[in-house]
């Protein structure tokens, strides 16, 4: 039950990582590094799927007992080749250089693949199709098969590990965190392949390998693969989480700016940046619709304040955040926009609710404080109007 649950979790993790990379590749089909990562995951997926009994039996019936092992290992070699290509395309100063180096590595991959095919054919009739533990490694063909596969994997994984560590040291989070997780997975796989190479030689020479050692190498790979997948997926997932948080923050500030925007929009409707607004449901379905509405509201609020600012006396200490500045400014703004305007001392705009820094976040916070004050001023105005109505009646 635990093994089944672990395999199911690994399968879901794999499907999620592969689906995310395919989605990214569809959006950027010319990104060679992204294409390499996607083909790496596709090769790994094919290796895992084709090793399952239904597919393995079908391949066995078509190509013989050694065919499933050959097909699976060819996809594993392809996986590490495309992993190397990711770094080749990313690190190369020019695309042509990356392509040239990738072609050189493809030649080495082709030689290894030919070696596996020749070894499988040479094993012929005495190959029972068993795995590493079940194969008779005193057979030169079978031992050649495993040595070729393991040596190529050790080489490719070692190169990928070196590049991954170099990139991780030079990167910032969350990319660095994902790269270190990926490096841990690649390092564990490389160590497992190196150990299995030694075990292959020992068994070829007639030695006996304890079952616990063989199981330990398998457990190492079982831990390394999820680490690799998590590392590959981590930067994208972390970026998505950060994007969701930013979207929620923008939505909250958008609502908070509502009272100020409504007050200024009523006075200056021509400042609207969207004269022909689409339906709200359609706007919400757009990927960046919420961000666009947020920035539009900030700009429209600032435009309205610039327009009305000559009618306002500068709020003393507003920029320094003096207690009560927002309520003072809201009172003057309310009076200026409701028929109590005074002649402007100057035709030039003056600073209203301006922060000390040039940060957009600080600017929005100043506007939000003023908007909160406008909301309070609206409540007071409503209460005053109710009181006057009561007195009149």
Protein backbone atom coordinates (compact mmCIF):
# COMPACT_ATOMS: atom_id res chain seq x y z
CA UNK A 1 0.00 0.00 0.00
CA UNK A 2 2.84 2.40 0.86
CA UNK A 3 4.65 1.57 -2.38
CA UNK A 4 1.48 2.13 -4.39
CA UNK A 5 0.83 5.45 -2.63
CA UNK A 6 4.42 6.54 -3.21
CA UNK A 7 4.22 5.62 -6.90
CA UNK A 8 0.90 7.42 -7.24
CA UNK A 9 2.34 10.55 -5.61
CA UNK A 10 5.40 10.40 -7.87
CA UNK A 11 3.16 9.99 -10.90
CA UNK A 12 1.09 13.04 -9.96
CA UNK A 13 4.25 15.05 -9.33
CA UNK A 14 5.61 13.97 -12.69
CA UNK A 15 2.40 14.81 -14.54
CA UNK A 16 2.29 18.23 -12.86
CA UNK A 17 5.91 19.04 -13.70
CA UNK A 18 5.57 17.84 -17.28
CA UNK A 19 2.27 19.62 -17.81
CA UNK A 20 3.72 22.90 -16.53
CA UNK A 21 6.75 22.68 -18.84
CA UNK A 22 4.60 21.81 -21.85
CA UNK A 23 2.39 24.81 -21.05
CA UNK A 24 5.46 27.06 -20.89
CA UNK A 25 6.84 25.60 -24.12
CA UNK A 26 3.58 26.28 -25.97
CA UNK A 27 3.86 29.93 -24.91
CA UNK A 28 7.57 30.14 -25.88
CA UNK A 29 8.22 27.53 -28.61
CA UNK A 30 11.55 29.09 -29.64
CA UNK A 31 13.08 28.79 -26.16
CA UNK A 32 15.68 26.05 -26.74
CA UNK A 33 16.57 25.67 -23.05
CA UNK A 34 12.90 25.24 -22.11
CA UNK A 35 12.48 22.77 -24.98
CA UNK A 36 15.42 20.74 -23.63
CA UNK A 37 13.87 20.55 -20.13
CA UNK A 38 10.53 19.51 -21.60
CA UNK A 39 12.12 16.75 -23.72
CA UNK A 40 14.07 15.64 -20.63
CA UNK A 41 10.83 15.18 -18.70
CA UNK A 42 9.12 13.51 -21.67
CA UNK A 43 11.99 11.03 -21.97
CA UNK A 44 11.79 10.29 -18.25
CA UNK A 45 8.03 9.81 -18.50
CA UNK A 46 8.42 7.40 -21.43
CA UNK A 47 11.05 5.44 -19.51
CA UNK A 48 8.74 5.02 -16.51
CA UNK A 49 5.60 4.26 -18.51
CA UNK A 50 7.23 1.75 -20.87
CA UNK A 51 8.65 -0.14 -17.87
CA UNK A 52 5.15 -0.97 -16.60
CA UNK A 53 3.95 -4.54 -17.27
CA UNK A 54 1.37 -3.84 -20.05
CA UNK A 55 3.86 -1.95 -22.22
CA UNK A 56 6.82 -4.12 -21.27
CA UNK A 57 4.96 -7.29 -22.28
CA UNK A 58 3.99 -5.74 -25.60
CA UNK A 59 7.59 -4.69 -26.34
CA UNK A 60 8.77 -8.16 -25.24
CA UNK A 61 6.43 -9.85 -27.71
CA UNK A 62 7.68 -7.63 -30.54
CA UNK A 63 11.43 -7.50 -29.89
CA UNK A 64 12.32 -10.32 -27.52
CA UNK A 65 13.11 -10.55 -23.78
CA UNK A 66 15.83 -7.87 -23.81
CA UNK A 67 13.82 -5.30 -25.79
CA UNK A 68 11.94 -3.72 -22.81
CA UNK A 69 15.22 -3.17 -20.96
CA UNK A 70 16.80 -1.70 -24.08
CA UNK A 71 13.91 0.70 -24.75
CA UNK A 72 13.76 1.86 -21.12
CA UNK A 73 17.50 2.52 -20.94
CA UNK A 74 17.50 4.36 -24.27
CA UNK A 75 14.93 6.79 -22.87
CA UNK A 76 16.96 7.16 -19.65
CA UNK A 77 20.03 8.07 -21.70
CA UNK A 78 17.91 10.49 -23.72
CA UNK A 79 16.68 12.06 -20.47
CA UNK A 80 20.17 12.89 -19.21
CA UNK A 81 21.25 14.05 -22.67
CA UNK A 82 18.45 16.62 -22.81
CA UNK A 83 19.30 17.63 -19.24
CA UNK A 84 22.82 18.44 -20.41
CA UNK A 85 21.40 20.29 -23.42
CA UNK A 86 19.45 22.57 -21.10
CA UNK A 87 22.70 23.83 -19.61
CA UNK A 88 24.42 23.95 -22.99
CA UNK A 89 21.69 26.17 -24.42
CA UNK A 90 21.55 28.30 -21.27
CA UNK A 91 25.29 28.76 -20.75
CA UNK A 92 26.35 29.26 -24.37
CA UNK A 93 27.08 32.85 -25.32
CA UNK A 94 25.41 32.28 -28.67
CA UNK A 95 22.78 29.83 -29.87
CA UNK A 96 25.13 28.52 -32.55
CA UNK A 97 27.69 27.59 -29.91
CA UNK A 98 25.05 25.79 -27.86
CA UNK A 99 23.84 23.88 -30.90
CA UNK A 100 27.38 22.90 -31.82
CA UNK A 101 28.15 21.56 -28.37
CA UNK A 102 24.79 19.77 -28.24
CA UNK A 103 25.61 18.02 -31.54
CA UNK A 104 28.90 16.82 -30.08
CA UNK A 105 27.09 15.39 -27.08
CA UNK A 106 24.50 13.83 -29.41
CA UNK A 107 27.31 11.91 -31.12
CA UNK A 108 28.38 10.45 -27.77
CA UNK A 109 24.75 9.58 -27.01
CA UNK A 110 24.45 7.85 -30.39
CA UNK A 111 27.57 5.78 -29.69
CA UNK A 112 26.21 4.73 -26.32
CA UNK A 113 22.83 3.85 -27.86
CA UNK A 114 24.50 1.77 -30.58
CA UNK A 115 26.50 -0.01 -27.89
CA UNK A 116 23.30 -0.90 -26.01
CA UNK A 117 21.65 -2.19 -29.18
CA UNK A 118 24.67 -4.31 -30.10
CA UNK A 119 24.91 -5.72 -26.56
CA UNK A 120 21.20 -6.58 -26.56
CA UNK A 121 21.47 -8.35 -29.92
CA UNK A 122 24.63 -10.19 -28.79
CA UNK A 123 22.88 -11.41 -25.64
CA UNK A 124 20.38 -13.07 -27.99
CA UNK A 125 18.70 -16.26 -26.93
CA UNK A 126 20.31 -16.57 -23.49
CA UNK A 127 18.91 -13.21 -22.36
CA UNK A 128 15.96 -13.86 -20.06
CA UNK A 129 15.05 -10.16 -19.90
CA UNK A 130 15.72 -9.87 -16.17
CA UNK A 131 16.65 -6.66 -14.43
CA UNK A 132 19.97 -5.74 -12.90
CA UNK A 133 19.54 -8.09 -9.93
CA UNK A 134 18.22 -10.98 -12.03
CA UNK A 135 20.71 -10.83 -14.91
CA UNK A 136 23.77 -13.07 -15.18
CA UNK A 137 26.51 -10.47 -15.42
CA UNK A 138 29.16 -13.06 -16.20
CA UNK A 139 27.77 -12.85 -19.73
CA UNK A 140 30.02 -10.39 -21.65
CA UNK A 141 27.07 -8.99 -23.61
CA UNK A 142 24.97 -8.25 -20.54
CA UNK A 143 27.83 -6.79 -18.55
CA UNK A 144 28.71 -4.61 -21.54
CA UNK A 145 25.11 -3.40 -21.67
CA UNK A 146 25.09 -2.25 -18.03
CA UNK A 147 28.59 -0.81 -18.12
CA UNK A 148 27.85 1.29 -21.22
CA UNK A 149 24.59 2.59 -19.74
CA UNK A 150 26.03 3.33 -16.29
CA UNK A 151 29.22 4.96 -17.55
CA UNK A 152 27.30 7.27 -19.87
CA UNK A 153 24.86 8.13 -17.06
CA UNK A 154 27.76 8.86 -14.69
CA UNK A 155 29.35 11.18 -17.25
CA UNK A 156 26.16 13.04 -18.20
CA UNK A 157 24.87 13.39 -14.63
CA UNK A 158 28.27 14.59 -13.38
CA UNK A 159 28.36 17.30 -16.04
CA UNK A 160 24.78 18.32 -15.26
CA UNK A 161 25.56 18.36 -11.52
CA UNK A 162 28.56 20.66 -12.04
CA UNK A 163 26.53 23.10 -14.14
CA UNK A 164 23.57 22.98 -11.75
CA UNK A 165 25.74 23.88 -8.75
CA UNK A 166 27.38 26.70 -10.70
CA UNK A 167 23.99 28.14 -11.69
CA UNK A 168 22.63 27.74 -8.14
CA UNK A 169 25.53 29.71 -6.65
CA UNK A 170 24.97 32.54 -9.15
CA UNK A 171 21.16 32.66 -8.83
CA UNK A 172 18.70 34.29 -6.46
CA UNK A 173 15.74 32.69 -4.78
CA UNK A 174 13.41 31.04 -5.72
CA UNK A 175 15.49 29.86 -8.69
CA UNK A 176 18.49 29.08 -6.49
CA UNK A 177 16.37 26.94 -4.15
CA UNK A 178 14.99 24.95 -7.08
CA UNK A 179 18.47 24.49 -8.54
CA UNK A 180 19.89 23.21 -5.24
CA UNK A 181 17.03 20.70 -4.97
CA UNK A 182 17.69 19.67 -8.56
CA UNK A 183 21.41 19.34 -7.78
CA UNK A 184 20.61 17.09 -4.81
CA UNK A 185 18.50 14.84 -7.04
CA UNK A 186 21.10 14.73 -9.82
CA UNK A 187 23.89 14.08 -7.33
CA UNK A 188 22.00 11.18 -5.78
CA UNK A 189 21.34 9.68 -9.22
CA UNK A 190 25.00 10.07 -10.19
CA UNK A 191 26.12 8.42 -6.96
CA UNK A 192 23.71 5.54 -7.54
CA UNK A 193 25.01 5.02 -11.08
CA UNK A 194 28.64 5.10 -9.86
CA UNK A 195 27.89 2.52 -7.18
CA UNK A 196 26.06 0.31 -9.65
CA UNK A 197 29.02 0.49 -12.02
CA UNK A 198 31.25 -0.90 -9.25
CA UNK A 199 28.68 -3.59 -8.43
CA UNK A 200 28.53 -4.57 -12.11
CA UNK A 201 32.29 -5.10 -12.22
CA UNK A 202 32.19 -7.10 -8.97
CA UNK A 203 29.49 -9.41 -10.29
CA UNK A 204 31.26 -9.71 -13.64
CA UNK A 205 34.34 -10.99 -11.79
CA UNK A 206 32.20 -13.58 -10.00
CA UNK A 207 31.83 -11.70 -6.70
CA UNK A 208 28.67 -11.56 -4.61
CA UNK A 209 26.87 -8.34 -3.87
CA UNK A 210 24.76 -8.16 -0.69
CA UNK A 211 21.07 -7.68 -1.41
CA UNK A 212 20.99 -4.72 0.98
CA UNK A 213 23.51 -2.84 -1.15
CA UNK A 214 21.50 -3.37 -4.32
CA UNK A 215 18.34 -2.25 -2.58
CA UNK A 216 20.13 0.81 -1.22
CA UNK A 217 21.01 1.97 -4.75
CA UNK A 218 17.40 1.51 -5.80
CA UNK A 219 16.21 3.49 -2.77
CA UNK A 220 18.66 6.26 -3.62
CA UNK A 221 17.16 6.58 -7.09
CA UNK A 222 13.63 6.47 -5.61
CA UNK A 223 14.52 9.48 -3.46
CA UNK A 224 16.52 11.28 -6.16
CA UNK A 225 13.79 11.32 -8.81
CA UNK A 226 11.20 13.18 -6.67
CA UNK A 227 13.91 15.62 -5.55
CA UNK A 228 14.78 16.29 -9.18
CA UNK A 229 11.14 16.83 -10.13
CA UNK A 230 10.50 19.13 -7.16
CA UNK A 231 13.62 21.12 -8.03
CA UNK A 232 12.58 21.53 -11.65
CA UNK A 233 9.07 22.61 -10.64
CA UNK A 234 9.89 24.72 -7.58
CA UNK A 235 10.77 28.06 -9.29
CA UNK A 236 7.60 27.99 -11.39
CA UNK A 237 5.40 27.03 -8.43
CA UNK A 238 7.00 29.67 -6.20
CA UNK A 239 6.50 32.28 -8.92
CA UNK A 240 2.84 31.30 -9.28
CA UNK A 241 2.30 31.53 -5.52
CA UNK A 242 3.92 34.97 -5.47
CA UNK A 243 1.71 36.01 -8.40
CA UNK A 244 -1.41 34.86 -6.54
CA UNK A 245 -0.36 36.83 -3.47
CA UNK A 246 0.29 39.92 -5.60
CA UNK A 247 -3.09 39.53 -7.29
CA UNK A 248 -4.83 39.32 -3.91
CA UNK A 249 -2.93 42.38 -2.68
CA UNK A 250 -3.88 44.36 -5.80
CA UNK A 251 -7.50 43.30 -5.46
CA UNK A 252 -7.56 44.43 -1.82
CA UNK A 253 -5.94 47.80 -2.61
CA UNK A 254 -8.25 48.24 -5.60
CA UNK A 255 -11.27 48.02 -3.29
CA UNK A 256 -9.61 50.22 -0.70
CA UNK A 257 -9.04 52.97 -3.27
CA UNK A 258 -12.73 52.87 -4.21
CA UNK A 259 -14.00 55.85 -2.15
CA UNK A 260 -11.28 58.21 -3.39
CA UNK A 261 -11.69 57.06 -6.98
CA UNK A 262 -15.49 57.46 -6.88
CA UNK A 263 -15.18 60.99 -5.49
CA UNK A 264 -12.68 62.06 -8.16
CA UNK A 265 -14.35 60.14 -10.99
CA UNK A 266 -17.65 61.85 -10.28
CA UNK A 267 -15.94 65.24 -10.62
CA UNK A 268 -13.69 64.36 -13.57
CA UNK A 269 -15.19 61.49 -15.57
CA UNK A 270 -13.05 62.45 -18.57
CA UNK A 271 -9.99 61.12 -16.72
CA UNK A 272 -11.21 57.55 -17.14
CA UNK A 273 -8.63 55.45 -18.99
CA UNK A 274 -11.25 52.99 -20.21
CA UNK A 275 -13.99 54.89 -22.02
CA UNK A 276 -15.64 51.72 -23.35
CA UNK A 277 -15.29 49.17 -20.51
CA UNK A 278 -15.94 45.52 -21.23
CA UNK A 279 -18.11 43.38 -19.01
CA UNK A 280 -16.68 42.71 -15.58
CA UNK A 281 -16.89 38.92 -16.05
CA UNK A 282 -14.86 39.17 -19.26
CA UNK A 283 -12.29 41.41 -17.59
CA UNK A 284 -11.90 38.99 -14.69
CA UNK A 285 -11.16 36.11 -17.08
CA UNK A 286 -8.17 37.92 -18.56
CA UNK A 287 -4.84 36.84 -17.01
CA UNK A 288 -3.76 40.40 -16.18
CA UNK A 289 -7.21 41.99 -15.94
CA UNK A 290 -6.99 42.51 -12.18
CA UNK A 291 -3.57 44.12 -12.39
CA UNK A 292 -4.71 46.41 -15.20
CA UNK A 293 -7.76 47.57 -13.23
CA UNK A 294 -5.57 48.19 -10.19
CA UNK A 295 -2.99 50.31 -12.02
CA UNK A 296 -5.72 52.15 -13.90
CA UNK A 297 -7.43 53.09 -10.64
CA UNK A 298 -4.14 54.30 -9.13
CA UNK A 299 -3.40 56.47 -12.19
CA UNK A 300 -6.93 57.89 -12.30
CA UNK A 301 -6.79 58.76 -8.59
CA UNK A 302 -3.45 60.49 -9.02
CA UNK A 303 -4.70 62.36 -12.15
CA UNK A 304 -7.75 63.59 -10.25
CA UNK A 305 -5.65 64.82 -7.35
CA UNK A 306 -3.34 66.67 -9.72
CA UNK A 307 -6.39 68.30 -11.35
CA UNK A 308 -7.91 69.47 -8.06
CA UNK A 309 -4.64 70.24 -6.27
CA UNK A 310 -4.51 73.99 -7.19
CA UNK A 311 -7.79 74.36 -5.27
CA UNK A 312 -6.20 72.81 -2.15
CA UNK A 313 -3.76 74.31 0.28
CA UNK A 314 -0.86 71.91 0.82
CA UNK A 315 -1.48 69.68 3.82
CA UNK A 316 1.21 70.52 6.34
CA UNK A 317 3.35 67.46 7.08
CA UNK A 318 1.37 65.21 4.74
CA UNK A 319 4.44 63.77 3.12
CA UNK A 320 5.93 63.00 6.52
CA UNK A 321 2.84 61.13 7.57
CA UNK A 322 1.78 63.56 10.32
CA UNK A 323 -1.09 62.05 12.33
CA UNK A 324 -4.37 63.31 10.94
CA UNK A 325 -2.98 64.45 7.58
CA UNK A 326 -5.28 62.16 5.64
CA UNK A 327 -8.41 63.45 7.41
CA UNK A 328 -7.32 67.08 6.89
CA UNK A 329 -6.72 66.45 3.20
CA UNK A 330 -10.00 64.58 2.86
CA UNK A 331 -11.91 67.49 4.40
CA UNK A 332 -10.35 70.00 2.00
CA UNK A 333 -10.88 67.64 -0.93
CA UNK A 334 -14.52 67.11 -0.01
CA UNK A 335 -15.08 70.86 0.32
CA UNK A 336 -13.34 71.63 -2.98
CA UNK A 337 -15.40 69.07 -4.89
CA UNK A 338 -18.75 69.98 -3.35
CA UNK A 339 -19.21 73.64 -4.24
CA UNK A 340 -16.91 75.21 -1.65
CA UNK A 341 -13.99 75.85 -3.95
CA UNK A 342 -11.72 78.84 -3.47
CA UNK A 343 -9.75 80.65 -6.18
CA UNK A 344 -6.53 78.80 -6.89
CA UNK A 345 -3.44 80.53 -5.67
CA UNK A 346 -1.54 79.16 -8.64
CA UNK A 347 -2.37 77.37 -11.85
CA UNK A 348 0.36 74.88 -11.09
CA UNK A 349 -0.38 71.56 -9.42
CA UNK A 350 0.83 71.02 -5.87
CA UNK A 351 1.77 67.81 -4.16
CA UNK A 352 -1.13 66.01 -2.50
CA UNK A 353 -0.65 62.79 -0.50
CA UNK A 354 2.82 62.31 -1.93
CA UNK A 355 5.17 59.82 -0.23
CA UNK A 356 8.76 60.55 0.75
CA UNK A 357 10.08 57.90 -1.66
CA UNK A 358 9.51 57.32 -5.36
CA UNK A 359 8.19 53.81 -4.74
CA UNK A 360 4.88 52.92 -6.37
CA UNK A 361 3.93 50.84 -3.33
CA UNK A 362 4.46 53.82 -1.02
CA UNK A 363 2.47 56.04 -3.37
CA UNK A 364 -0.43 53.59 -3.35
CA UNK A 365 -0.30 53.36 0.45
CA UNK A 366 -0.59 57.17 0.67
CA UNK A 367 -3.56 57.12 -1.69
CA UNK A 368 -5.14 54.27 0.29
CA UNK A 369 -4.83 56.24 3.54
CA UNK A 370 -6.46 59.23 1.88
CA UNK A 371 -9.19 56.96 0.49
CA UNK A 372 -9.88 55.62 3.98
CA UNK A 373 -10.20 59.19 5.19
CA UNK A 374 -12.60 59.97 2.33
CA UNK A 375 -14.70 56.99 3.38
CA UNK A 376 -14.86 58.36 6.93
CA UNK A 377 -15.66 61.84 5.60
CA UNK A 378 -18.49 60.40 3.52
CA UNK A 379 -19.98 58.81 6.64
CA UNK A 380 -19.78 62.13 8.48
CA UNK A 381 -21.35 63.95 5.53
CA UNK A 382 -24.17 61.43 5.42
CA UNK A 383 -24.79 61.86 9.14
CA UNK A 384 -24.80 65.66 8.78
CA UNK A 385 -27.27 65.46 5.92
CA UNK A 386 -29.53 63.25 8.00
CA UNK A 387 -29.37 65.70 10.89
CA UNK A 388 -30.27 68.62 8.64
CA UNK A 389 -33.16 66.68 7.24
CA UNK A 390 -34.43 65.96 10.73
CA UNK A 391 -34.19 69.63 11.75
CA UNK A 392 -35.97 70.76 8.58
CA UNK A 393 -38.81 68.36 9.11
